[in-house]
Amino acid sequence: DVAEFMEAAERVQRGGSALDPEVVATLVAPGERWHDDLTPREREILALMAEGLTNAGIAARLFLTERTVESHVRHVFSKLGLRGGEDGHRRVLAVLAYLRNREAP
């Protein structure tokens, strides 16, 4: 839909998100608590993902191999219940879960 695309483009131009604001609001709504089964390293990886670092950037920052970071990222996705798929945005959803936890009381 061209109108929806233009609305998203204008929202991004104003500094907003390309994602529909209602979808983002639903994803970051309080209620779901942090997943205690993440290891400290997995939480560290997720925090760096939230900063926008790529796997290569995370590897460089933590002095790890990219393969090790990829393994941690896979574990984060699995523990957060984010299954792969053609239309999935697991990295974005993982970061939203991280941000939701930081804002929860």
PDB file of N, CA and C in Angstrom:
ATOM      1  N   ASP A   1       0.848  -1.178   0.000  1.00  0.00           N
ATOM      2  CA  ASP A   1       0.000   0.000   0.000  1.00  0.00           C
ATOM      3  C   ASP A   1       0.892   1.239   0.000  1.00  0.00           C
ATOM      4  N   VAL A   2       0.743   2.073  -1.005  1.00  0.00           N
ATOM      5  CA  VAL A   2       1.578   3.258  -1.167  1.00  0.00           C
ATOM      6  C   VAL A   2       1.379   4.241  -0.013  1.00  0.00           C
ATOM      7  N   ALA A   3       0.144   4.406   0.432  1.00  0.00           N
ATOM      8  CA  ALA A   3      -0.135   5.356   1.522  1.00  0.00           C
ATOM      9  C   ALA A   3       0.574   4.925   2.808  1.00  0.00           C
ATOM     10  N   GLU A   4       0.528   3.631   3.123  1.00  0.00           N
ATOM     11  CA  GLU A   4       1.207   3.137   4.318  1.00  0.00           C
ATOM     12  C   GLU A   4       2.717   3.307   4.201  1.00  0.00           C
ATOM     13  N   PHE A   5       3.243   3.044   3.007  1.00  0.00           N
ATOM     14  CA  PHE A   5       4.678   3.215   2.776  1.00  0.00           C
ATOM     15  C   PHE A   5       5.081   4.675   2.976  1.00  0.00           C
ATOM     16  N   MET A   6       4.306   5.589   2.422  1.00  0.00           N
ATOM     17  CA  MET A   6       4.631   7.019   2.549  1.00  0.00           C
ATOM     18  C   MET A   6       4.543   7.459   4.007  1.00  0.00           C
ATOM     19  N   GLU A   7       3.549   6.943   4.721  1.00  0.00           N
ATOM     20  CA  GLU A   7       3.411   7.282   6.139  1.00  0.00           C
ATOM     21  C   GLU A   7       4.638   6.793   6.925  1.00  0.00           C
ATOM     22  N   ALA A   8       5.089   5.575   6.634  1.00  0.00           N
ATOM     23  CA  ALA A   8       6.276   5.032   7.307  1.00  0.00           C
ATOM     24  C   ALA A   8       7.517   5.843   6.952  1.00  0.00           C
ATOM     25  N   ALA A   9       7.655   6.221   5.687  1.00  0.00           N
ATOM     26  CA  ALA A   9       8.813   7.017   5.261  1.00  0.00           C
ATOM     27  C   ALA A   9       8.835   8.368   5.969  1.00  0.00           C
ATOM     28  N   GLU A  10       7.683   9.004   6.085  1.00  0.00           N
ATOM     29  CA  GLU A  10       7.601  10.295   6.784  1.00  0.00           C
ATOM     30  C   GLU A  10       7.903  10.133   8.271  1.00  0.00           C
ATOM     31  N   ARG A  11       7.437   9.027   8.858  1.00  0.00           N
ATOM     32  CA  ARG A  11       7.702   8.765  10.273  1.00  0.00           C
ATOM     33  C   ARG A  11       9.207   8.616  10.507  1.00  0.00           C
ATOM     34  N   VAL A  12       9.889   7.903   9.615  1.00  0.00           N
ATOM     35  CA  VAL A  12      11.340   7.720   9.722  1.00  0.00           C
ATOM     36  C   VAL A  12      12.057   9.048   9.547  1.00  0.00           C
ATOM     37  N   GLN A  13      11.585   9.861   8.615  1.00  0.00           N
ATOM     38  CA  GLN A  13      12.199  11.170   8.376  1.00  0.00           C
ATOM     39  C   GLN A  13      12.112  12.045   9.630  1.00  0.00           C
ATOM     40  N   ARG A  14      11.024  11.901  10.388  1.00  0.00           N
ATOM     41  CA  ARG A  14      10.860  12.670  11.619  1.00  0.00           C
ATOM     42  C   ARG A  14      11.614  12.061  12.801  1.00  0.00           C
ATOM     43  N   GLY A  15      12.351  10.960  12.539  1.00  0.00           N
ATOM     44  CA  GLY A  15      13.131  10.331  13.603  1.00  0.00           C
ATOM     45  C   GLY A  15      12.445   9.162  14.250  1.00  0.00           C
ATOM     46  N   GLY A  16      11.305   8.752  13.720  1.00  0.00           N
ATOM     47  CA  GLY A  16      10.568   7.621  14.285  1.00  0.00           C
ATOM     48  C   GLY A  16      11.032   6.299  13.715  1.00  0.00           C
ATOM     49  N   SER A  17      10.220   5.301  13.938  1.00  0.00           N
ATOM     50  CA  SER A  17      10.526   3.945  13.505  1.00  0.00           C
ATOM     51  C   SER A  17       9.770   3.603  12.229  1.00  0.00           C
ATOM     52  N   ALA A  18      10.387   2.761  11.418  1.00  0.00           N
ATOM     53  CA  ALA A  18       9.709   2.290  10.209  1.00  0.00           C
ATOM     54  C   ALA A  18       8.604   1.306  10.565  1.00  0.00           C
ATOM     55  N   LEU A  19       8.702   0.706  11.741  1.00  0.00           N
ATOM     56  CA  LEU A  19       7.663  -0.211  12.190  1.00  0.00           C
ATOM     57  C   LEU A  19       6.424   0.573  12.590  1.00  0.00           C
ATOM     58  N   ASP A  20       5.283  -0.037  12.401  1.00  0.00           N
ATOM     59  CA  ASP A  20       4.017   0.573  12.785  1.00  0.00           C
ATOM     60  C   ASP A  20       4.051   0.882  14.282  1.00  0.00           C
ATOM     61  N   PRO A  21       3.725   2.105  14.682  1.00  0.00           N
ATOM     62  CA  PRO A  21       3.776   2.475  16.106  1.00  0.00           C
ATOM     63  C   PRO A  21       2.921   1.578  16.992  1.00  0.00           C
ATOM     64  N   GLU A  22       1.796   1.087  16.490  1.00  0.00           N
ATOM     65  CA  GLU A  22       0.950   0.196  17.284  1.00  0.00           C
ATOM     66  C   GLU A  22       1.645  -1.138  17.533  1.00  0.00           C
ATOM     67  N   VAL A  23       2.375  -1.634  16.534  1.00  0.00           N
ATOM     68  CA  VAL A  23       3.117  -2.884  16.693  1.00  0.00           C
ATOM     69  C   VAL A  23       4.213  -2.696  17.732  1.00  0.00           C
ATOM     70  N   VAL A  24       4.947  -1.602  17.635  1.00  0.00           N
ATOM     71  CA  VAL A  24       6.018  -1.328  18.595  1.00  0.00           C
ATOM     72  C   VAL A  24       5.448  -1.190  20.002  1.00  0.00           C
ATOM     73  N   ALA A  25       4.335  -0.474  20.135  1.00  0.00           N
ATOM     74  CA  ALA A  25       3.713  -0.285  21.453  1.00  0.00           C
ATOM     75  C   ALA A  25       3.309  -1.622  22.064  1.00  0.00           C
ATOM     76  N   THR A  26       2.793  -2.518  21.247  1.00  0.00           N
ATOM     77  CA  THR A  26       2.406  -3.839  21.725  1.00  0.00           C
ATOM     78  C   THR A  26       3.620  -4.629  22.178  1.00  0.00           C
ATOM     79  N   LEU A  27       4.697  -4.553  21.405  1.00  0.00           N
ATOM     80  CA  LEU A  27       5.893  -5.322  21.722  1.00  0.00           C
ATOM     81  C   LEU A  27       6.595  -4.830  22.975  1.00  0.00           C
ATOM     82  N   VAL A  28       6.548  -3.549  23.241  1.00  0.00           N
ATOM     83  CA  VAL A  28       7.260  -3.016  24.402  1.00  0.00           C
ATOM     84  C   VAL A  28       6.348  -2.783  25.595  1.00  0.00           C
ATOM     85  N   ALA A  29       5.105  -3.229  25.499  1.00  0.00           N
ATOM     86  CA  ALA A  29       4.170  -3.060  26.612  1.00  0.00           C
ATOM     87  C   ALA A  29       4.678  -3.806  27.833  1.00  0.00           C
ATOM     88  N   PRO A  30       4.529  -3.209  29.008  1.00  0.00           N
ATOM     89  CA  PRO A  30       4.979  -3.890  30.217  1.00  0.00           C
ATOM     90  C   PRO A  30       4.155  -5.142  30.481  1.00  0.00           C
ATOM     91  N   GLY A  31       4.699  -6.023  31.247  1.00  0.00           N
ATOM     92  CA  GLY A  31       3.974  -7.222  31.615  1.00  0.00           C
ATOM     93  C   GLY A  31       4.862  -8.449  31.593  1.00  0.00           C
ATOM     94  N   GLU A  32       5.559  -8.669  30.531  1.00  0.00           N
ATOM     95  CA  GLU A  32       6.422  -9.844  30.444  1.00  0.00           C
ATOM     96  C   GLU A  32       7.767  -9.512  31.100  1.00  0.00           C
ATOM     97  N   ARG A  33       8.157 -10.330  32.033  1.00  0.00           N
ATOM     98  CA  ARG A  33       9.416 -10.096  32.744  1.00  0.00           C
ATOM     99  C   ARG A  33      10.588 -10.690  31.991  1.00  0.00           C
ATOM    100  N   TRP A  34      11.755 -10.299  32.417  1.00  0.00           N
ATOM    101  CA  TRP A  34      13.008 -10.715  31.795  1.00  0.00           C
ATOM    102  C   TRP A  34      13.182 -12.215  31.884  1.00  0.00           C
ATOM    103  N   HIS A  35      13.836 -12.771  30.916  1.00  0.00           N
ATOM    104  CA  HIS A  35      14.095 -14.206  30.880  1.00  0.00           C
ATOM    105  C   HIS A  35      15.335 -14.501  31.710  1.00  0.00           C
ATOM    106  N   ASP A  36      15.122 -15.117  32.845  1.00  0.00           N
ATOM    107  CA  ASP A  36      16.219 -15.406  33.773  1.00  0.00           C
ATOM    108  C   ASP A  36      17.179 -16.458  33.254  1.00  0.00           C
ATOM    109  N   ASP A  37      16.772 -17.174  32.215  1.00  0.00           N
ATOM    110  CA  ASP A  37      17.646 -18.245  31.737  1.00  0.00           C
ATOM    111  C   ASP A  37      18.754 -17.752  30.816  1.00  0.00           C
ATOM    112  N   LEU A  38      18.808 -16.455  30.504  1.00  0.00           N
ATOM    113  CA  LEU A  38      19.928 -15.921  29.727  1.00  0.00           C
ATOM    114  C   LEU A  38      21.158 -15.853  30.628  1.00  0.00           C
ATOM    115  N   THR A  39      22.284 -16.267  30.088  1.00  0.00           N
ATOM    116  CA  THR A  39      23.529 -16.183  30.841  1.00  0.00           C
ATOM    117  C   THR A  39      24.002 -14.721  30.863  1.00  0.00           C
ATOM    118  N   PRO A  40      24.913 -14.385  31.759  1.00  0.00           N
ATOM    119  CA  PRO A  40      25.452 -13.029  31.748  1.00  0.00           C
ATOM    120  C   PRO A  40      26.060 -12.654  30.392  1.00  0.00           C
ATOM    121  N   ARG A  41      26.750 -13.585  29.736  1.00  0.00           N
ATOM    122  CA  ARG A  41      27.343 -13.293  28.432  1.00  0.00           C
ATOM    123  C   ARG A  41      26.245 -13.049  27.390  1.00  0.00           C
ATOM    124  N   GLU A  42      25.184 -13.836  27.433  1.00  0.00           N
ATOM    125  CA  GLU A  42      24.079 -13.640  26.490  1.00  0.00           C
ATOM    126  C   GLU A  42      23.411 -12.291  26.715  1.00  0.00           C
ATOM    127  N   ARG A  43      23.282 -11.882  27.962  1.00  0.00           N
ATOM    128  CA  ARG A  43      22.718 -10.548  28.248  1.00  0.00           C
ATOM    129  C   ARG A  43      23.644  -9.458  27.725  1.00  0.00           C
ATOM    130  N   GLU A  44      24.944  -9.671  27.871  1.00  0.00           N
ATOM    131  CA  GLU A  44      25.921  -8.708  27.361  1.00  0.00           C
ATOM    132  C   GLU A  44      25.826  -8.606  25.835  1.00  0.00           C
ATOM    133  N   ILE A  45      25.713  -9.754  25.172  1.00  0.00           N
ATOM    134  CA  ILE A  45      25.572  -9.777  23.712  1.00  0.00           C
ATOM    135  C   ILE A  45      24.299  -9.038  23.315  1.00  0.00           C
ATOM    136  N   LEU A  46      23.203  -9.313  24.005  1.00  0.00           N
ATOM    137  CA  LEU A  46      21.925  -8.673  23.698  1.00  0.00           C
ATOM    138  C   LEU A  46      22.001  -7.166  23.908  1.00  0.00           C
ATOM    139  N   ALA A  47      22.678  -6.734  24.954  1.00  0.00           N
ATOM    140  CA  ALA A  47      22.836  -5.291  25.196  1.00  0.00           C
ATOM    141  C   ALA A  47      23.605  -4.637  24.055  1.00  0.00           C
ATOM    142  N   LEU A  48      24.630  -5.312  23.550  1.00  0.00           N
ATOM    143  CA  LEU A  48      25.395  -4.765  22.434  1.00  0.00           C
ATOM    144  C   LEU A  48      24.573  -4.775  21.147  1.00  0.00           C
ATOM    145  N   MET A  49      23.713  -5.784  20.985  1.00  0.00           N
ATOM    146  CA  MET A  49      22.793  -5.783  19.851  1.00  0.00           C
ATOM    147  C   MET A  49      21.878  -4.561  19.941  1.00  0.00           C
ATOM    148  N   ALA A  50      21.436  -4.245  21.158  1.00  0.00           N
ATOM    149  CA  ALA A  50      20.560  -3.089  21.363  1.00  0.00           C
ATOM    150  C   ALA A  50      21.278  -1.785  21.043  1.00  0.00           C
ATOM    151  N   GLU A  51      22.606  -1.778  21.166  1.00  0.00           N
ATOM    152  CA  GLU A  51      23.384  -0.597  20.787  1.00  0.00           C
ATOM    153  C   GLU A  51      23.531  -0.487  19.278  1.00  0.00           C
ATOM    154  N   GLY A  52      23.115  -1.530  18.556  1.00  0.00           N
ATOM    155  CA  GLY A  52      23.176  -1.506  17.101  1.00  0.00           C
ATOM    156  C   GLY A  52      24.393  -2.181  16.513  1.00  0.00           C
ATOM    157  N   LEU A  53      25.185  -2.848  17.346  1.00  0.00           N
ATOM    158  CA  LEU A  53      26.381  -3.510  16.833  1.00  0.00           C
ATOM    159  C   LEU A  53      26.016  -4.766  16.047  1.00  0.00           C
ATOM    160  N   THR A  54      26.752  -5.010  14.996  1.00  0.00           N
ATOM    161  CA  THR A  54      26.629  -6.243  14.228  1.00  0.00           C
ATOM    162  C   THR A  54      27.354  -7.349  14.975  1.00  0.00           C
ATOM    163  N   ASN A  55      27.200  -8.570  14.495  1.00  0.00           N
ATOM    164  CA  ASN A  55      27.950  -9.670  15.112  1.00  0.00           C
ATOM    165  C   ASN A  55      29.451  -9.402  15.051  1.00  0.00           C
ATOM    166  N   ALA A  56      29.915  -8.874  13.920  1.00  0.00           N
ATOM    167  CA  ALA A  56      31.343  -8.557  13.784  1.00  0.00           C
ATOM    168  C   ALA A  56      31.750  -7.476  14.783  1.00  0.00           C
ATOM    169  N   GLY A  57      30.907  -6.481  14.965  1.00  0.00           N
ATOM    170  CA  GLY A  57      31.193  -5.417  15.919  1.00  0.00           C
ATOM    171  C   GLY A  57      31.218  -5.919  17.348  1.00  0.00           C
ATOM    172  N   ILE A  58      30.287  -6.817  17.666  1.00  0.00           N
ATOM    173  CA  ILE A  58      30.253  -7.408  19.009  1.00  0.00           C
ATOM    174  C   ILE A  58      31.509  -8.241  19.235  1.00  0.00           C
ATOM    175  N   ALA A  59      31.885  -9.026  18.236  1.00  0.00           N
ATOM    176  CA  ALA A  59      33.084  -9.855  18.349  1.00  0.00           C
ATOM    177  C   ALA A  59      34.318  -9.001  18.617  1.00  0.00           C
ATOM    178  N   ALA A  60      34.436  -7.904  17.893  1.00  0.00           N
ATOM    179  CA  ALA A  60      35.595  -7.018  18.083  1.00  0.00           C
ATOM    180  C   ALA A  60      35.581  -6.385  19.472  1.00  0.00           C
ATOM    181  N   ARG A  61      34.419  -5.962  19.922  1.00  0.00           N
ATOM    182  CA  ARG A  61      34.310  -5.305  21.229  1.00  0.00           C
ATOM    183  C   ARG A  61      34.661  -6.261  22.363  1.00  0.00           C
ATOM    184  N   LEU A  62      34.232  -7.523  22.240  1.00  0.00           N
ATOM    185  CA  LEU A  62      34.427  -8.483  23.332  1.00  0.00           C
ATOM    186  C   LEU A  62      35.622  -9.405  23.124  1.00  0.00           C
ATOM    187  N   PHE A  63      36.367  -9.182  22.057  1.00  0.00           N
ATOM    188  CA  PHE A  63      37.528 -10.012  21.743  1.00  0.00           C
ATOM    189  C   PHE A  63      37.138 -11.487  21.611  1.00  0.00           C
ATOM    190  N   LEU A  64      36.060 -11.718  20.857  1.00  0.00           N
ATOM    191  CA  LEU A  64      35.567 -13.053  20.569  1.00  0.00           C
ATOM    192  C   LEU A  64      35.604 -13.284  19.067  1.00  0.00           C
ATOM    193  N   THR A  65      35.444 -14.530  18.658  1.00  0.00           N
ATOM    194  CA  THR A  65      35.309 -14.785  17.227  1.00  0.00           C
ATOM    195  C   THR A  65      33.860 -14.519  16.832  1.00  0.00           C
ATOM    196  N   GLU A  66      33.647 -14.229  15.546  1.00  0.00           N
ATOM    197  CA  GLU A  66      32.277 -14.020  15.071  1.00  0.00           C
ATOM    198  C   GLU A  66      31.446 -15.278  15.263  1.00  0.00           C
ATOM    199  N   ARG A  67      32.085 -16.420  15.090  1.00  0.00           N
ATOM    200  CA  ARG A  67      31.368 -17.678  15.253  1.00  0.00           C
ATOM    201  C   ARG A  67      30.849 -17.836  16.686  1.00  0.00           C
ATOM    202  N   THR A  68      31.643 -17.431  17.657  1.00  0.00           N
ATOM    203  CA  THR A  68      31.212 -17.487  19.053  1.00  0.00           C
ATOM    204  C   THR A  68      30.040 -16.552  19.283  1.00  0.00           C
ATOM    205  N   VAL A  69      30.117 -15.346  18.725  1.00  0.00           N
ATOM    206  CA  VAL A  69      29.019 -14.391  18.867  1.00  0.00           C
ATOM    207  C   VAL A  69      27.759 -14.945  18.211  1.00  0.00           C
ATOM    208  N   GLU A  70      27.902 -15.523  17.023  1.00  0.00           N
ATOM    209  CA  GLU A  70      26.748 -16.110  16.340  1.00  0.00           C
ATOM    210  C   GLU A  70      26.094 -17.183  17.205  1.00  0.00           C
ATOM    211  N   SER A  71      26.899 -17.965  17.884  1.00  0.00           N
ATOM    212  CA  SER A  71      26.373 -18.999  18.767  1.00  0.00           C
ATOM    213  C   SER A  71      25.586 -18.380  19.918  1.00  0.00           C
ATOM    214  N   HIS A  72      26.140 -17.342  20.533  1.00  0.00           N
ATOM    215  CA  HIS A  72      25.431 -16.656  21.620  1.00  0.00           C
ATOM    216  C   HIS A  72      24.130 -16.043  21.120  1.00  0.00           C
ATOM    217  N   VAL A  73      24.163 -15.433  19.952  1.00  0.00           N
ATOM    218  CA  VAL A  73      22.963 -14.810  19.386  1.00  0.00           C
ATOM    219  C   VAL A  73      21.892 -15.877  19.140  1.00  0.00           C
ATOM    220  N   ARG A  74      22.287 -17.012  18.613  1.00  0.00           N
ATOM    221  CA  ARG A  74      21.336 -18.120  18.408  1.00  0.00           C
ATOM    222  C   ARG A  74      20.705 -18.539  19.728  1.00  0.00           C
ATOM    223  N   HIS A  75      21.521 -18.628  20.772  1.00  0.00           N
ATOM    224  CA  HIS A  75      20.991 -19.012  22.086  1.00  0.00           C
ATOM    225  C   HIS A  75      20.018 -17.956  22.617  1.00  0.00           C
ATOM    226  N   VAL A  76      20.345 -16.687  22.428  1.00  0.00           N
ATOM    227  CA  VAL A  76      19.443 -15.609  22.847  1.00  0.00           C
ATOM    228  C   VAL A  76      18.109 -15.752  22.129  1.00  0.00           C
ATOM    229  N   PHE A  77      18.150 -15.918  20.811  1.00  0.00           N
ATOM    230  CA  PHE A  77      16.917 -16.061  20.039  1.00  0.00           C
ATOM    231  C   PHE A  77      16.103 -17.254  20.547  1.00  0.00           C
ATOM    232  N   SER A  78      16.776 -18.360  20.780  1.00  0.00           N
ATOM    233  CA  SER A  78      16.088 -19.562  21.237  1.00  0.00           C
ATOM    234  C   SER A  78      15.447 -19.350  22.602  1.00  0.00           C
ATOM    235  N   LYS A  79      16.205 -18.781  23.530  1.00  0.00           N
ATOM    236  CA  LYS A  79      15.696 -18.579  24.887  1.00  0.00           C
ATOM    237  C   LYS A  79      14.576 -17.546  24.946  1.00  0.00           C
ATOM    238  N   LEU A  80      14.571 -16.612  24.009  1.00  0.00           N
ATOM    239  CA  LEU A  80      13.496 -15.628  23.949  1.00  0.00           C
ATOM    240  C   LEU A  80      12.306 -16.140  23.130  1.00  0.00           C
ATOM    241  N   GLY A  81      12.429 -17.354  22.606  1.00  0.00           N
ATOM    242  CA  GLY A  81      11.341 -17.939  21.832  1.00  0.00           C
ATOM    243  C   GLY A  81      11.170 -17.331  20.463  1.00  0.00           C
ATOM    244  N   LEU A  82      12.243 -16.794  19.898  1.00  0.00           N
ATOM    245  CA  LEU A  82      12.192 -16.137  18.587  1.00  0.00           C
ATOM    246  C   LEU A  82      12.673 -17.120  17.536  1.00  0.00           C
ATOM    247  N   ARG A  83      11.738 -17.757  16.896  1.00  0.00           N
ATOM    248  CA  ARG A  83      12.057 -18.751  15.883  1.00  0.00           C
ATOM    249  C   ARG A  83      12.330 -18.075  14.554  1.00  0.00           C
ATOM    250  N   GLY A  84      13.171 -18.695  13.749  1.00  0.00           N
ATOM    251  CA  GLY A  84      13.527 -18.167  12.434  1.00  0.00           C
ATOM    252  C   GLY A  84      12.390 -18.306  11.450  1.00  0.00           C
ATOM    253  N   GLY A  85      12.444 -17.503  10.431  1.00  0.00           N
ATOM    254  CA  GLY A  85      11.448 -17.541   9.378  1.00  0.00           C
ATOM    255  C   GLY A  85      11.770 -16.487   8.348  1.00  0.00           C
ATOM    256  N   GLU A  86      11.166 -16.618   7.194  1.00  0.00           N
ATOM    257  CA  GLU A  86      11.454 -15.672   6.123  1.00  0.00           C
ATOM    258  C   GLU A  86      11.043 -14.246   6.477  1.00  0.00           C
ATOM    259  N   ASP A  87       9.943 -14.098   7.205  1.00  0.00           N
ATOM    260  CA  ASP A  87       9.447 -12.755   7.498  1.00  0.00           C
ATOM    261  C   ASP A  87       9.791 -12.300   8.916  1.00  0.00           C
ATOM    262  N   GLY A  88      10.583 -13.088   9.635  1.00  0.00           N
ATOM    263  CA  GLY A  88      10.911 -12.751  11.011  1.00  0.00           C
ATOM    264  C   GLY A  88      12.005 -11.703  11.118  1.00  0.00           C
ATOM    265  N   HIS A  89      11.907 -10.901  12.125  1.00  0.00           N
ATOM    266  CA  HIS A  89      12.920  -9.885  12.429  1.00  0.00           C
ATOM    267  C   HIS A  89      13.391 -10.159  13.844  1.00  0.00           C
ATOM    268  N   ARG A  90      14.045 -11.308  14.004  1.00  0.00           N
ATOM    269  CA  ARG A  90      14.407 -11.761  15.343  1.00  0.00           C
ATOM    270  C   ARG A  90      15.322 -10.795  16.066  1.00  0.00           C
ATOM    271  N   ARG A  91      16.237 -10.186  15.365  1.00  0.00           N
ATOM    272  CA  ARG A  91      17.170  -9.266  16.021  1.00  0.00           C
ATOM    273  C   ARG A  91      16.413  -8.064  16.601  1.00  0.00           C
ATOM    274  N   VAL A  92      15.489  -7.521  15.833  1.00  0.00           N
ATOM    275  CA  VAL A  92      14.678  -6.391  16.306  1.00  0.00           C
ATOM    276  C   VAL A  92      13.829  -6.826  17.493  1.00  0.00           C
ATOM    277  N   LEU A  93      13.195  -7.978  17.394  1.00  0.00           N
ATOM    278  CA  LEU A  93      12.347  -8.451  18.484  1.00  0.00           C
ATOM    279  C   LEU A  93      13.152  -8.730  19.746  1.00  0.00           C
ATOM    280  N   ALA A  94      14.358  -9.253  19.594  1.00  0.00           N
ATOM    281  CA  ALA A  94      15.218  -9.491  20.755  1.00  0.00           C
ATOM    282  C   ALA A  94      15.588  -8.181  21.428  1.00  0.00           C
ATOM    283  N   VAL A  95      15.913  -7.179  20.634  1.00  0.00           N
ATOM    284  CA  VAL A  95      16.262  -5.863  21.195  1.00  0.00           C
ATOM    285  C   VAL A  95      15.042  -5.254  21.890  1.00  0.00           C
ATOM    286  N   LEU A  96      13.868  -5.402  21.303  1.00  0.00           N
ATOM    287  CA  LEU A  96      12.654  -4.881  21.947  1.00  0.00           C
ATOM    288  C   LEU A  96      12.403  -5.578  23.283  1.00  0.00           C
ATOM    289  N   ALA A  97      12.650  -6.884  23.351  1.00  0.00           N
ATOM    290  CA  ALA A  97      12.511  -7.606  24.616  1.00  0.00           C
ATOM    291  C   ALA A  97      13.502  -7.068  25.644  1.00  0.00           C
ATOM    292  N   TYR A  98      14.718  -6.790  25.199  1.00  0.00           N
ATOM    293  CA  TYR A  98      15.747  -6.219  26.079  1.00  0.00           C
ATOM    294  C   TYR A  98      15.301  -4.851  26.608  1.00  0.00           C
ATOM    295  N   LEU A  99      14.816  -4.003  25.703  1.00  0.00           N
ATOM    296  CA  LEU A  99      14.389  -2.670  26.106  1.00  0.00           C
ATOM    297  C   LEU A  99      13.178  -2.726  27.022  1.00  0.00           C
ATOM    298  N   ARG A 100      12.275  -3.638  26.752  1.00  0.00           N
ATOM    299  CA  ARG A 100      11.088  -3.797  27.600  1.00  0.00           C
ATOM    300  C   ARG A 100      11.527  -4.161  29.006  1.00  0.00           C
ATOM    301  N   ASN A 101      12.508  -5.029  29.152  1.00  0.00           N
ATOM    302  CA  ASN A 101      12.984  -5.432  30.456  1.00  0.00           C
ATOM    303  C   ASN A 101      13.617  -4.265  31.199  1.00  0.00           C
ATOM    304  N   ARG A 102      14.358  -3.450  30.504  1.00  0.00           N
ATOM    305  CA  ARG A 102      15.028  -2.316  31.140  1.00  0.00           C
ATOM    306  C   ARG A 102      14.031  -1.305  31.671  1.00  0.00           C
ATOM    307  N   GLU A 103      12.865  -1.190  31.025  1.00  0.00           N
ATOM    308  CA  GLU A 103      11.856  -0.212  31.430  1.00  0.00           C
ATOM    309  C   GLU A 103      10.896  -0.748  32.473  1.00  0.00           C
ATOM    310  N   ALA A 104      10.860  -2.083  32.634  1.00  0.00           N
ATOM    311  CA  ALA A 104       9.911  -2.685  33.574  1.00  0.00           C
ATOM    312  C   ALA A 104      10.297  -2.337  35.003  1.00  0.00           C
ATOM    313  N   PRO A 105       9.287  -2.145  35.853  1.00  0.00           N
ATOM    314  CA  PRO A 105       9.569  -1.790  37.259  1.00  0.00           C
ATOM    315  C   PRO A 105      10.206  -2.915  38.028  1.00  0.00           C
TER     316      PRO A 105
END
